[in-house]
Amino acid sequence: MGRYAAEVSEETARAEAQAVRQRREGSLLAILFGLAALVVVFDQLTKQWAIENLSEVRAEPFIGDLISFQLTFNPGAAFGIASGTTWIFTIIAVVVAVVVIRVSRHIGSLAWTICLGLLLGGAVGNLIDRLFREPGFPEGHVVDFINYAGQFIGNVADIAIVGAAVGIALLALFGLDVDGTRHRRPTDDGEAPADVGEAPA
C-alpha cells in the first residue's frame, strides 16, 4: 500500500511539474510573439513616418552629427549592405522567421524569448517591405531612415535584428540553451560535462 501511494504521489508530482512547464512555455510564447508584433508595428509606423516626412537628399540632425534622419530605399541587407541581391535576403528573412517559430516550441528561457522575439519582429518587419514595396514582390526595397554618422542607414527592424544577434551570442557564450538549461564548456581533458540543469533566466 505504501509503495502504491508513493508511486501515485510521484506521478502526481510529475503531472504538476509538467503543468507548470506548460504554463511557463505558454507565457514565454505570448511574450515572444507579442514582442515580435510590437517590433513589426513600430517598425512599419516609423517607416511610414519617414516616407511622409523625410527627404532622400537632406539629412535631418537628431543627435548632432552622430545620428540623423534621412530617407533611403535599400535593396540590400541591414544598413544597406550587399545591395542588388534583394531576392536572396527575402529568402533569408523567410527562413529566419520559420526557424524562430520552430525553435520557439522548445522555449524555456526569458532571455531567449526576448532575443527571438526581437529577431522575429525585425525579420518580419523588413520582409514586409521586400514583399509589398516597390519595385514589387519579392524584390521590394526596404525603407531605411536612421543615418549613423554617414556610415550606415538603417531602421527599427535592423536595430532589433542586431540587438537579437548580440543577445544570442552572449547567451551562447554563457552556455544558456533555448530550453532554459545551462551547460558548461568542455573540460581540459576534452570531455564536456553534463548539463547542470535549468537556469533561472
N, C-alpha and C. Protein backbone atom coordinates (compact mmCIF):
# COMPACT_ATOMS: atom_id res chain seq x y z
N MET A 1 0.83 -1.21 0.00
CA MET A 1 0.00 0.00 0.00
C MET A 1 0.87 1.26 0.00
N GLY A 2 1.92 1.21 0.84
CA GLY A 2 2.80 2.36 0.90
C GLY A 2 3.51 2.60 -0.41
N ARG A 3 3.90 1.49 -1.08
CA ARG A 3 4.59 1.63 -2.36
C ARG A 3 3.65 2.21 -3.41
N TYR A 4 2.39 1.75 -3.38
CA TYR A 4 1.40 2.27 -4.34
C TYR A 4 1.18 3.76 -4.12
N ALA A 5 1.08 4.16 -2.85
CA ALA A 5 0.87 5.57 -2.53
C ALA A 5 2.05 6.41 -2.99
N ALA A 6 3.26 5.87 -2.83
CA ALA A 6 4.45 6.59 -3.27
C ALA A 6 4.46 6.77 -4.78
N GLU A 7 4.05 5.71 -5.51
CA GLU A 7 4.01 5.80 -6.97
C GLU A 7 2.98 6.84 -7.42
N VAL A 8 1.82 6.83 -6.76
CA VAL A 8 0.77 7.81 -7.10
C VAL A 8 1.27 9.22 -6.82
N SER A 9 1.93 9.38 -5.68
CA SER A 9 2.45 10.70 -5.32
C SER A 9 3.50 11.17 -6.33
N GLU A 10 4.35 10.24 -6.78
CA GLU A 10 5.37 10.59 -7.77
C GLU A 10 4.75 10.98 -9.10
N GLU A 11 3.73 10.24 -9.52
CA GLU A 11 3.04 10.57 -10.77
C GLU A 11 2.35 11.93 -10.67
N THR A 12 1.75 12.19 -9.51
CA THR A 12 1.09 13.48 -9.31
C THR A 12 2.10 14.63 -9.38
N ALA A 13 3.26 14.42 -8.76
CA ALA A 13 4.30 15.45 -8.78
C ALA A 13 4.78 15.70 -10.21
N ARG A 14 4.95 14.62 -10.98
CA ARG A 14 5.37 14.78 -12.37
C ARG A 14 4.32 15.53 -13.18
N ALA A 15 3.05 15.19 -12.95
CA ALA A 15 1.97 15.86 -13.68
C ALA A 15 1.92 17.34 -13.33
N GLU A 16 2.12 17.65 -12.05
CA GLU A 16 2.10 19.05 -11.63
C GLU A 16 3.29 19.81 -12.23
N ALA A 17 4.46 19.16 -12.24
CA ALA A 17 5.64 19.80 -12.83
C ALA A 17 5.44 20.04 -14.32
N GLN A 18 4.82 19.06 -15.00
CA GLN A 18 4.55 19.22 -16.43
C GLN A 18 3.58 20.37 -16.68
N ALA A 19 2.57 20.48 -15.82
CA ALA A 19 1.59 21.56 -15.97
C ALA A 19 2.26 22.92 -15.77
N VAL A 20 3.17 22.99 -14.79
CA VAL A 20 3.89 24.25 -14.55
C VAL A 20 4.74 24.61 -15.76
N ARG A 21 5.44 23.62 -16.33
CA ARG A 21 6.26 23.88 -17.51
C ARG A 21 5.42 24.35 -18.68
N GLN A 22 4.27 23.73 -18.86
CA GLN A 22 3.40 24.12 -19.98
C GLN A 22 2.89 25.54 -19.81
N ARG A 23 2.53 25.90 -18.57
CA ARG A 23 2.07 27.27 -18.33
C ARG A 23 3.19 28.27 -18.58
N ARG A 24 4.41 27.91 -18.14
CA ARG A 24 5.55 28.80 -18.36
C ARG A 24 5.84 28.94 -19.84
N GLU A 25 5.82 27.82 -20.57
CA GLU A 25 6.06 27.88 -22.01
C GLU A 25 5.01 28.73 -22.70
N GLY A 26 3.75 28.59 -22.27
CA GLY A 26 2.69 29.40 -22.86
C GLY A 26 2.91 30.88 -22.63
N SER A 27 3.34 31.23 -21.41
CA SER A 27 3.62 32.63 -21.10
C SER A 27 4.78 33.16 -21.92
N LEU A 28 5.84 32.35 -22.05
CA LEU A 28 7.00 32.77 -22.83
C LEU A 28 6.66 32.95 -24.30
N LEU A 29 5.83 32.06 -24.83
CA LEU A 29 5.41 32.19 -26.24
C LEU A 29 4.60 33.47 -26.44
N ALA A 30 3.74 33.77 -25.47
CA ALA A 30 2.96 35.01 -25.58
C ALA A 30 3.87 36.23 -25.58
N ILE A 31 4.89 36.20 -24.73
CA ILE A 31 5.85 37.31 -24.70
C ILE A 31 6.61 37.40 -26.02
N LEU A 32 7.07 36.24 -26.53
CA LEU A 32 7.86 36.22 -27.77
C LEU A 32 7.07 36.82 -28.93
N PHE A 33 5.86 36.30 -29.16
CA PHE A 33 5.09 36.77 -30.32
C PHE A 33 4.52 38.17 -30.08
N GLY A 34 4.25 38.51 -28.81
CA GLY A 34 3.81 39.87 -28.52
C GLY A 34 4.90 40.88 -28.79
N LEU A 35 6.13 40.55 -28.37
CA LEU A 35 7.27 41.44 -28.63
C LEU A 35 7.53 41.56 -30.12
N ALA A 36 7.47 40.44 -30.84
CA ALA A 36 7.67 40.47 -32.29
C ALA A 36 6.64 41.37 -32.96
N ALA A 37 5.39 41.26 -32.52
CA ALA A 37 4.33 42.09 -33.10
C ALA A 37 4.58 43.57 -32.82
N LEU A 38 5.03 43.89 -31.61
CA LEU A 38 5.33 45.28 -31.28
C LEU A 38 6.45 45.83 -32.16
N VAL A 39 7.49 45.02 -32.38
CA VAL A 39 8.59 45.45 -33.24
C VAL A 39 8.09 45.72 -34.66
N VAL A 40 7.28 44.81 -35.19
CA VAL A 40 6.76 44.97 -36.55
C VAL A 40 5.92 46.24 -36.67
N VAL A 41 5.01 46.44 -35.72
CA VAL A 41 4.14 47.61 -35.77
C VAL A 41 4.95 48.90 -35.66
N PHE A 42 5.87 48.95 -34.69
CA PHE A 42 6.68 50.16 -34.52
C PHE A 42 7.56 50.41 -35.74
N ASP A 43 8.12 49.33 -36.28
CA ASP A 43 8.96 49.44 -37.47
C ASP A 43 8.18 50.01 -38.65
N GLN A 44 7.00 49.48 -38.89
CA GLN A 44 6.21 49.94 -40.03
C GLN A 44 5.69 51.36 -39.83
N LEU A 45 5.33 51.70 -38.60
CA LEU A 45 4.86 53.06 -38.33
C LEU A 45 5.98 54.08 -38.55
N THR A 46 7.17 53.76 -38.07
CA THR A 46 8.29 54.70 -38.25
C THR A 46 8.70 54.80 -39.71
N LYS A 47 8.60 53.71 -40.44
CA LYS A 47 8.91 53.77 -41.87
C LYS A 47 7.91 54.65 -42.61
N GLN A 48 6.63 54.52 -42.25
CA GLN A 48 5.62 55.35 -42.90
C GLN A 48 5.85 56.82 -42.55
N TRP A 49 6.21 57.08 -41.29
CA TRP A 49 6.53 58.46 -40.89
C TRP A 49 7.70 58.98 -41.72
N ALA A 50 8.72 58.15 -41.92
CA ALA A 50 9.90 58.57 -42.69
C ALA A 50 9.52 58.91 -44.13
N ILE A 51 8.69 58.09 -44.73
CA ILE A 51 8.26 58.33 -46.12
C ILE A 51 7.53 59.66 -46.24
N GLU A 52 6.71 59.96 -45.24
CA GLU A 52 5.88 61.16 -45.30
C GLU A 52 6.62 62.44 -44.90
N ASN A 53 7.71 62.30 -44.14
CA ASN A 53 8.32 63.50 -43.55
C ASN A 53 9.79 63.74 -43.88
N LEU A 54 10.48 62.75 -44.42
CA LEU A 54 11.92 62.90 -44.63
C LEU A 54 12.28 63.02 -46.10
N SER A 55 13.47 63.56 -46.34
CA SER A 55 13.97 63.76 -47.70
C SER A 55 15.07 62.74 -48.00
N GLU A 56 15.18 62.37 -49.27
CA GLU A 56 16.24 61.46 -49.70
C GLU A 56 17.56 62.20 -49.94
N VAL A 57 17.51 63.51 -50.01
CA VAL A 57 18.72 64.28 -50.34
C VAL A 57 19.24 65.12 -49.17
N ARG A 58 18.46 65.22 -48.11
CA ARG A 58 18.87 66.06 -46.98
C ARG A 58 18.68 65.30 -45.68
N ALA A 59 19.71 65.30 -44.83
CA ALA A 59 19.64 64.64 -43.53
C ALA A 59 19.16 65.63 -42.47
N GLU A 60 18.26 65.17 -41.61
CA GLU A 60 17.75 65.98 -40.50
C GLU A 60 18.48 65.57 -39.23
N PRO A 61 19.30 66.46 -38.63
CA PRO A 61 20.06 66.10 -37.43
C PRO A 61 19.15 65.66 -36.29
N PHE A 62 19.57 64.64 -35.58
CA PHE A 62 18.84 64.17 -34.41
C PHE A 62 19.73 64.22 -33.17
N ILE A 63 20.90 63.59 -33.25
CA ILE A 63 21.90 63.70 -32.18
C ILE A 63 23.19 64.21 -32.83
N GLY A 64 23.24 65.51 -33.05
CA GLY A 64 24.39 66.12 -33.70
C GLY A 64 24.70 65.48 -35.04
N ASP A 65 25.99 65.22 -35.26
CA ASP A 65 26.40 64.54 -36.49
C ASP A 65 26.42 63.03 -36.32
N LEU A 66 26.14 62.56 -35.10
CA LEU A 66 26.21 61.12 -34.83
C LEU A 66 25.03 60.37 -35.45
N ILE A 67 23.84 60.87 -35.21
CA ILE A 67 22.64 60.22 -35.75
C ILE A 67 21.75 61.29 -36.37
N SER A 68 21.33 61.05 -37.59
CA SER A 68 20.39 61.94 -38.27
C SER A 68 19.35 61.09 -38.99
N PHE A 69 18.32 61.74 -39.50
CA PHE A 69 17.26 61.04 -40.21
C PHE A 69 17.31 61.42 -41.69
N GLN A 70 17.36 60.42 -42.54
CA GLN A 70 17.40 60.64 -43.99
C GLN A 70 16.76 59.44 -44.67
N LEU A 71 15.82 59.68 -45.55
CA LEU A 71 15.09 58.60 -46.21
C LEU A 71 15.91 57.95 -47.31
N THR A 72 15.89 56.63 -47.33
CA THR A 72 16.50 55.90 -48.44
C THR A 72 15.77 54.58 -48.61
N PHE A 73 15.81 54.05 -49.82
CA PHE A 73 15.17 52.77 -50.13
C PHE A 73 16.26 51.76 -50.44
N ASN A 74 16.38 50.78 -49.58
CA ASN A 74 17.53 49.87 -49.58
C ASN A 74 17.19 48.52 -50.22
N PRO A 75 17.87 48.14 -51.31
CA PRO A 75 17.63 46.84 -51.93
C PRO A 75 18.46 45.71 -51.31
N GLY A 76 19.33 46.06 -50.34
CA GLY A 76 20.24 45.06 -49.79
C GLY A 76 19.85 44.59 -48.41
N ALA A 77 20.87 44.27 -47.60
CA ALA A 77 20.65 43.75 -46.25
C ALA A 77 20.59 44.91 -45.26
N ALA A 78 20.70 44.57 -43.98
CA ALA A 78 20.66 45.58 -42.93
C ALA A 78 21.75 46.62 -43.15
N PHE A 79 21.39 47.90 -42.93
CA PHE A 79 22.32 49.03 -43.05
C PHE A 79 22.87 49.18 -44.47
N GLY A 80 22.11 48.71 -45.47
CA GLY A 80 22.50 48.93 -46.86
C GLY A 80 23.57 48.01 -47.39
N ILE A 81 23.87 46.92 -46.69
CA ILE A 81 24.92 46.01 -47.11
C ILE A 81 24.43 45.11 -48.25
N ALA A 82 25.28 44.85 -49.23
CA ALA A 82 25.02 43.90 -50.32
C ALA A 82 23.77 44.26 -51.12
N SER A 83 23.68 45.48 -51.55
CA SER A 83 22.56 45.88 -52.40
C SER A 83 22.65 45.17 -53.74
N GLY A 84 21.50 44.95 -54.35
CA GLY A 84 21.47 44.27 -55.64
C GLY A 84 21.17 42.79 -55.54
N THR A 85 21.01 42.28 -54.32
CA THR A 85 20.68 40.86 -54.13
C THR A 85 19.43 40.74 -53.26
N THR A 86 18.43 41.54 -53.57
CA THR A 86 17.24 41.63 -52.73
C THR A 86 16.55 40.30 -52.53
N TRP A 87 16.38 39.52 -53.61
CA TRP A 87 15.62 38.27 -53.51
C TRP A 87 16.29 37.29 -52.56
N ILE A 88 17.63 37.34 -52.47
CA ILE A 88 18.33 36.45 -51.54
C ILE A 88 17.95 36.78 -50.10
N PHE A 89 17.89 38.07 -49.79
CA PHE A 89 17.55 38.47 -48.43
C PHE A 89 16.08 38.25 -48.13
N THR A 90 15.24 38.24 -49.15
CA THR A 90 13.84 37.87 -48.95
C THR A 90 13.75 36.43 -48.50
N ILE A 91 14.49 35.55 -49.17
CA ILE A 91 14.50 34.13 -48.79
C ILE A 91 15.08 33.96 -47.39
N ILE A 92 16.16 34.66 -47.09
CA ILE A 92 16.79 34.56 -45.77
C ILE A 92 15.81 35.00 -44.68
N ALA A 93 15.07 36.08 -44.92
CA ALA A 93 14.11 36.56 -43.93
C ALA A 93 13.02 35.54 -43.67
N VAL A 94 12.55 34.88 -44.73
CA VAL A 94 11.53 33.84 -44.58
C VAL A 94 12.09 32.68 -43.77
N VAL A 95 13.31 32.26 -44.09
CA VAL A 95 13.94 31.15 -43.38
C VAL A 95 14.12 31.49 -41.90
N VAL A 96 14.58 32.70 -41.61
CA VAL A 96 14.77 33.12 -40.22
C VAL A 96 13.45 33.06 -39.46
N ALA A 97 12.39 33.57 -40.07
CA ALA A 97 11.08 33.56 -39.41
C ALA A 97 10.62 32.14 -39.12
N VAL A 98 10.79 31.24 -40.09
CA VAL A 98 10.37 29.85 -39.91
C VAL A 98 11.20 29.18 -38.81
N VAL A 99 12.50 29.41 -38.82
CA VAL A 99 13.38 28.80 -37.81
C VAL A 99 13.02 29.29 -36.41
N VAL A 100 12.78 30.59 -36.27
CA VAL A 100 12.41 31.13 -34.96
C VAL A 100 11.11 30.51 -34.46
N ILE A 101 10.14 30.37 -35.34
CA ILE A 101 8.86 29.78 -34.95
C ILE A 101 9.04 28.33 -34.52
N ARG A 102 9.88 27.58 -35.24
CA ARG A 102 10.13 26.18 -34.88
C ARG A 102 10.88 26.08 -33.55
N VAL A 103 11.89 26.91 -33.38
CA VAL A 103 12.68 26.88 -32.14
C VAL A 103 11.82 27.28 -30.94
N SER A 104 10.86 28.17 -31.17
CA SER A 104 10.04 28.66 -30.07
C SER A 104 9.24 27.56 -29.39
N ARG A 105 9.07 26.42 -30.05
CA ARG A 105 8.34 25.31 -29.43
C ARG A 105 9.09 24.73 -28.25
N HIS A 106 10.39 25.01 -28.16
CA HIS A 106 11.21 24.48 -27.08
C HIS A 106 11.65 25.58 -26.11
N ILE A 107 11.00 26.73 -26.17
CA ILE A 107 11.44 27.86 -25.38
C ILE A 107 11.26 27.60 -23.89
N GLY A 108 12.26 27.98 -23.12
CA GLY A 108 12.18 27.81 -21.67
C GLY A 108 12.95 28.89 -20.93
N SER A 109 13.43 29.87 -21.67
CA SER A 109 14.26 30.93 -21.09
C SER A 109 13.69 32.29 -21.48
N LEU A 110 13.54 33.16 -20.50
CA LEU A 110 13.04 34.51 -20.78
C LEU A 110 14.02 35.29 -21.65
N ALA A 111 15.32 35.11 -21.38
CA ALA A 111 16.32 35.82 -22.17
C ALA A 111 16.24 35.42 -23.64
N TRP A 112 16.14 34.11 -23.90
CA TRP A 112 15.99 33.64 -25.27
C TRP A 112 14.67 34.12 -25.87
N THR A 113 13.64 34.18 -25.06
CA THR A 113 12.34 34.66 -25.54
C THR A 113 12.45 36.07 -26.08
N ILE A 114 13.13 36.94 -25.34
CA ILE A 114 13.29 38.33 -25.77
C ILE A 114 14.12 38.41 -27.04
N CYS A 115 15.22 37.66 -27.08
CA CYS A 115 16.09 37.69 -28.27
C CYS A 115 15.35 37.19 -29.51
N LEU A 116 14.64 36.08 -29.37
CA LEU A 116 13.93 35.52 -30.52
C LEU A 116 12.76 36.41 -30.93
N GLY A 117 12.11 37.05 -29.96
CA GLY A 117 11.05 37.99 -30.30
C GLY A 117 11.57 39.17 -31.11
N LEU A 118 12.72 39.70 -30.69
CA LEU A 118 13.34 40.80 -31.45
C LEU A 118 13.74 40.35 -32.85
N LEU A 119 14.34 39.15 -32.92
CA LEU A 119 14.79 38.64 -34.22
C LEU A 119 13.61 38.41 -35.16
N LEU A 120 12.55 37.79 -34.65
CA LEU A 120 11.37 37.53 -35.48
C LEU A 120 10.73 38.84 -35.93
N GLY A 121 10.57 39.78 -35.00
CA GLY A 121 9.97 41.06 -35.36
C GLY A 121 10.79 41.82 -36.39
N GLY A 122 12.11 41.83 -36.22
CA GLY A 122 12.97 42.51 -37.19
C GLY A 122 12.92 41.86 -38.55
N ALA A 123 12.97 40.53 -38.58
CA ALA A 123 12.93 39.82 -39.86
C ALA A 123 11.61 40.06 -40.58
N VAL A 124 10.51 39.99 -39.85
CA VAL A 124 9.20 40.19 -40.47
C VAL A 124 9.02 41.64 -40.90
N GLY A 125 9.51 42.58 -40.09
CA GLY A 125 9.39 44.00 -40.44
C GLY A 125 10.02 44.31 -41.78
N ASN A 126 11.23 43.83 -42.00
CA ASN A 126 11.89 44.07 -43.29
C ASN A 126 11.32 43.19 -44.39
N LEU A 127 10.83 42.00 -44.03
CA LEU A 127 10.22 41.12 -45.03
C LEU A 127 8.97 41.76 -45.63
N ILE A 128 8.20 42.45 -44.81
CA ILE A 128 7.01 43.14 -45.32
C ILE A 128 7.39 44.12 -46.42
N ASP A 129 8.47 44.86 -46.21
CA ASP A 129 8.94 45.79 -47.24
C ASP A 129 9.33 45.06 -48.51
N ARG A 130 10.06 43.96 -48.37
CA ARG A 130 10.54 43.23 -49.54
C ARG A 130 9.39 42.60 -50.33
N LEU A 131 8.32 42.30 -49.65
CA LEU A 131 7.19 41.66 -50.33
C LEU A 131 6.22 42.66 -50.95
N PHE A 132 6.08 43.83 -50.33
CA PHE A 132 4.98 44.70 -50.74
C PHE A 132 5.39 46.09 -51.25
N ARG A 133 6.64 46.48 -51.09
CA ARG A 133 7.03 47.80 -51.56
C ARG A 133 7.62 47.71 -52.97
N GLU A 134 7.76 48.87 -53.60
CA GLU A 134 8.34 48.95 -54.94
C GLU A 134 9.79 48.46 -54.91
N PRO A 135 10.31 47.84 -55.98
CA PRO A 135 9.67 47.64 -57.29
C PRO A 135 8.74 46.44 -57.38
N GLY A 136 8.47 45.76 -56.25
CA GLY A 136 7.49 44.69 -56.27
C GLY A 136 8.03 43.37 -55.74
N PHE A 137 7.11 42.45 -55.51
CA PHE A 137 7.41 41.12 -54.97
C PHE A 137 8.37 40.37 -55.88
N PRO A 138 9.40 39.68 -55.32
CA PRO A 138 9.86 39.70 -53.92
C PRO A 138 11.09 40.59 -53.75
N GLU A 139 11.19 41.64 -54.56
CA GLU A 139 12.38 42.48 -54.57
C GLU A 139 12.10 43.91 -54.12
N GLY A 140 11.11 44.06 -53.26
CA GLY A 140 10.81 45.39 -52.73
C GLY A 140 11.97 45.95 -51.94
N HIS A 141 12.13 47.25 -52.01
CA HIS A 141 13.22 47.91 -51.30
C HIS A 141 12.79 48.27 -49.87
N VAL A 142 13.68 48.04 -48.93
CA VAL A 142 13.40 48.31 -47.52
C VAL A 142 13.57 49.80 -47.23
N VAL A 143 12.64 50.35 -46.46
CA VAL A 143 12.72 51.75 -46.07
C VAL A 143 13.71 51.90 -44.92
N ASP A 144 14.77 52.66 -45.14
CA ASP A 144 15.76 52.98 -44.11
C ASP A 144 15.74 54.49 -43.88
N PHE A 145 16.03 54.90 -42.65
CA PHE A 145 16.00 56.35 -42.39
C PHE A 145 16.88 56.79 -41.23
N ILE A 146 17.47 55.87 -40.48
CA ILE A 146 18.33 56.25 -39.36
C ILE A 146 19.77 56.26 -39.85
N ASN A 147 20.33 57.45 -40.01
CA ASN A 147 21.67 57.62 -40.57
C ASN A 147 22.69 57.69 -39.44
N TYR A 148 23.62 56.72 -39.44
CA TYR A 148 24.63 56.66 -38.39
C TYR A 148 25.93 57.32 -38.88
N ALA A 149 26.03 58.62 -38.65
CA ALA A 149 27.24 59.39 -38.98
C ALA A 149 27.67 59.21 -40.43
N GLY A 150 26.72 59.01 -41.32
CA GLY A 150 27.03 58.86 -42.73
C GLY A 150 27.64 57.53 -43.11
N GLN A 151 27.75 56.59 -42.15
CA GLN A 151 28.35 55.29 -42.43
C GLN A 151 27.31 54.26 -42.85
N PHE A 152 26.21 54.20 -42.13
CA PHE A 152 25.13 53.27 -42.43
C PHE A 152 23.80 53.99 -42.28
N ILE A 153 22.80 53.49 -42.99
CA ILE A 153 21.44 53.96 -42.79
C ILE A 153 20.58 52.73 -42.54
N GLY A 154 19.86 52.73 -41.43
CA GLY A 154 19.07 51.56 -41.07
C GLY A 154 17.67 51.95 -40.63
N ASN A 155 17.01 51.04 -39.93
CA ASN A 155 15.66 51.25 -39.45
C ASN A 155 15.45 50.52 -38.13
N VAL A 156 14.25 50.56 -37.61
CA VAL A 156 13.95 49.92 -36.33
C VAL A 156 14.13 48.41 -36.41
N ALA A 157 13.72 47.80 -37.52
CA ALA A 157 13.88 46.35 -37.68
C ALA A 157 15.35 45.95 -37.62
N ASP A 158 16.22 46.75 -38.24
CA ASP A 158 17.66 46.47 -38.20
C ASP A 158 18.18 46.50 -36.77
N ILE A 159 17.73 47.49 -36.00
CA ILE A 159 18.16 47.59 -34.60
C ILE A 159 17.74 46.34 -33.83
N ALA A 160 16.51 45.88 -34.06
CA ALA A 160 16.02 44.68 -33.38
C ALA A 160 16.84 43.46 -33.76
N ILE A 161 17.17 43.34 -35.05
CA ILE A 161 17.95 42.19 -35.52
C ILE A 161 19.35 42.19 -34.91
N VAL A 162 20.00 43.34 -34.93
CA VAL A 162 21.36 43.43 -34.37
C VAL A 162 21.34 43.19 -32.87
N GLY A 163 20.35 43.76 -32.18
CA GLY A 163 20.22 43.52 -30.75
C GLY A 163 20.02 42.05 -30.43
N ALA A 164 19.18 41.39 -31.24
CA ALA A 164 18.95 39.96 -31.05
C ALA A 164 20.21 39.15 -31.29
N ALA A 165 20.96 39.51 -32.33
CA ALA A 165 22.20 38.79 -32.65
C ALA A 165 23.21 38.91 -31.52
N VAL A 166 23.35 40.10 -30.96
CA VAL A 166 24.27 40.30 -29.83
C VAL A 166 23.81 39.49 -28.62
N GLY A 167 22.50 39.53 -28.34
CA GLY A 167 21.96 38.79 -27.22
C GLY A 167 22.15 37.29 -27.36
N ILE A 168 21.89 36.76 -28.55
CA ILE A 168 22.05 35.33 -28.80
C ILE A 168 23.51 34.92 -28.65
N ALA A 169 24.42 35.75 -29.14
CA ALA A 169 25.84 35.45 -29.00
C ALA A 169 26.24 35.39 -27.52
N LEU A 170 25.73 36.31 -26.72
CA LEU A 170 26.05 36.30 -25.29
C LEU A 170 25.46 35.09 -24.60
N LEU A 171 24.22 34.73 -24.95
CA LEU A 171 23.59 33.56 -24.34
C LEU A 171 24.37 32.29 -24.68
N ALA A 172 24.80 32.19 -25.93
CA ALA A 172 25.60 31.03 -26.33
C ALA A 172 26.94 31.03 -25.59
N LEU A 173 27.53 32.21 -25.43
CA LEU A 173 28.82 32.31 -24.74
C LEU A 173 28.72 31.84 -23.30
N PHE A 174 27.61 32.18 -22.65
CA PHE A 174 27.43 31.80 -21.25
C PHE A 174 26.74 30.45 -21.08
N GLY A 175 26.49 29.76 -22.19
CA GLY A 175 26.01 28.39 -22.11
C GLY A 175 24.55 28.23 -21.77
N LEU A 176 23.72 29.22 -22.06
CA LEU A 176 22.29 29.10 -21.78
C LEU A 176 21.56 28.65 -23.04
N ASP A 177 20.90 27.50 -22.96
CA ASP A 177 20.20 26.96 -24.11
C ASP A 177 18.78 27.51 -24.21
N VAL A 178 18.16 27.30 -25.36
CA VAL A 178 16.82 27.82 -25.61
C VAL A 178 15.82 27.29 -24.60
N ASP A 179 15.96 26.04 -24.20
CA ASP A 179 15.00 25.43 -23.28
C ASP A 179 15.23 25.83 -21.83
N GLY A 180 16.21 26.69 -21.58
CA GLY A 180 16.45 27.17 -20.23
C GLY A 180 17.51 26.42 -19.47
N THR A 181 18.04 25.35 -20.04
CA THR A 181 19.11 24.62 -19.37
C THR A 181 20.45 25.30 -19.63
N ARG A 182 21.36 25.09 -18.71
CA ARG A 182 22.68 25.70 -18.82
C ARG A 182 23.73 24.61 -18.89
N HIS A 183 24.67 24.74 -19.82
CA HIS A 183 25.75 23.78 -19.92
C HIS A 183 27.09 24.49 -19.79
N ARG A 184 28.09 23.72 -19.43
CA ARG A 184 29.43 24.28 -19.25
C ARG A 184 30.29 23.96 -20.46
N ARG A 185 31.38 24.72 -20.56
CA ARG A 185 32.34 24.46 -21.63
C ARG A 185 33.05 23.14 -21.37
N PRO A 186 33.61 22.52 -22.41
CA PRO A 186 34.36 21.27 -22.21
C PRO A 186 35.51 21.47 -21.22
N THR A 187 35.81 20.41 -20.47
CA THR A 187 36.90 20.46 -19.50
C THR A 187 38.24 20.35 -20.22
N ASP A 188 39.32 20.48 -19.47
CA ASP A 188 40.65 20.46 -20.06
C ASP A 188 40.96 19.14 -20.77
N ASP A 189 40.34 18.03 -20.30
CA ASP A 189 40.61 16.75 -20.94
C ASP A 189 39.76 16.52 -22.18
N GLY A 190 38.98 17.56 -22.57
CA GLY A 190 38.21 17.47 -23.81
C GLY A 190 36.82 16.92 -23.63
N GLU A 191 36.45 16.50 -22.41
CA GLU A 191 35.13 15.95 -22.18
C GLU A 191 34.20 17.06 -21.73
N ALA A 192 33.01 17.06 -22.33
CA ALA A 192 32.03 18.06 -21.96
C ALA A 192 31.23 17.55 -20.78
N PRO A 193 31.14 18.30 -19.68
CA PRO A 193 30.36 17.85 -18.54
C PRO A 193 28.88 17.85 -18.86
N ALA A 194 28.13 17.14 -18.07
CA ALA A 194 26.69 17.06 -18.28
C ALA A 194 26.05 18.40 -18.00
N ASP A 195 24.83 18.58 -18.55
CA ASP A 195 24.10 19.81 -18.29
C ASP A 195 23.92 19.99 -16.79
N VAL A 196 23.93 21.23 -16.36
CA VAL A 196 23.83 21.50 -14.94
C VAL A 196 22.42 21.87 -14.54
N GLY A 197 21.46 21.67 -15.42
CA GLY A 197 20.07 21.88 -15.06
C GLY A 197 19.53 23.19 -15.55
N GLU A 198 18.30 23.49 -15.13
CA GLU A 198 17.62 24.67 -15.60
C GLU A 198 18.22 25.92 -14.98
N ALA A 199 18.31 26.95 -15.78
CA ALA A 199 18.78 28.25 -15.30
C ALA A 199 17.57 29.11 -15.00
N PRO A 200 17.71 30.10 -14.13
CA PRO A 200 16.57 30.93 -13.78
C PRO A 200 16.14 31.87 -14.88
N ALA A 201 17.02 32.15 -15.86
CA ALA A 201 16.69 33.12 -16.91
C ALA A 201 15.74 32.54 -17.92
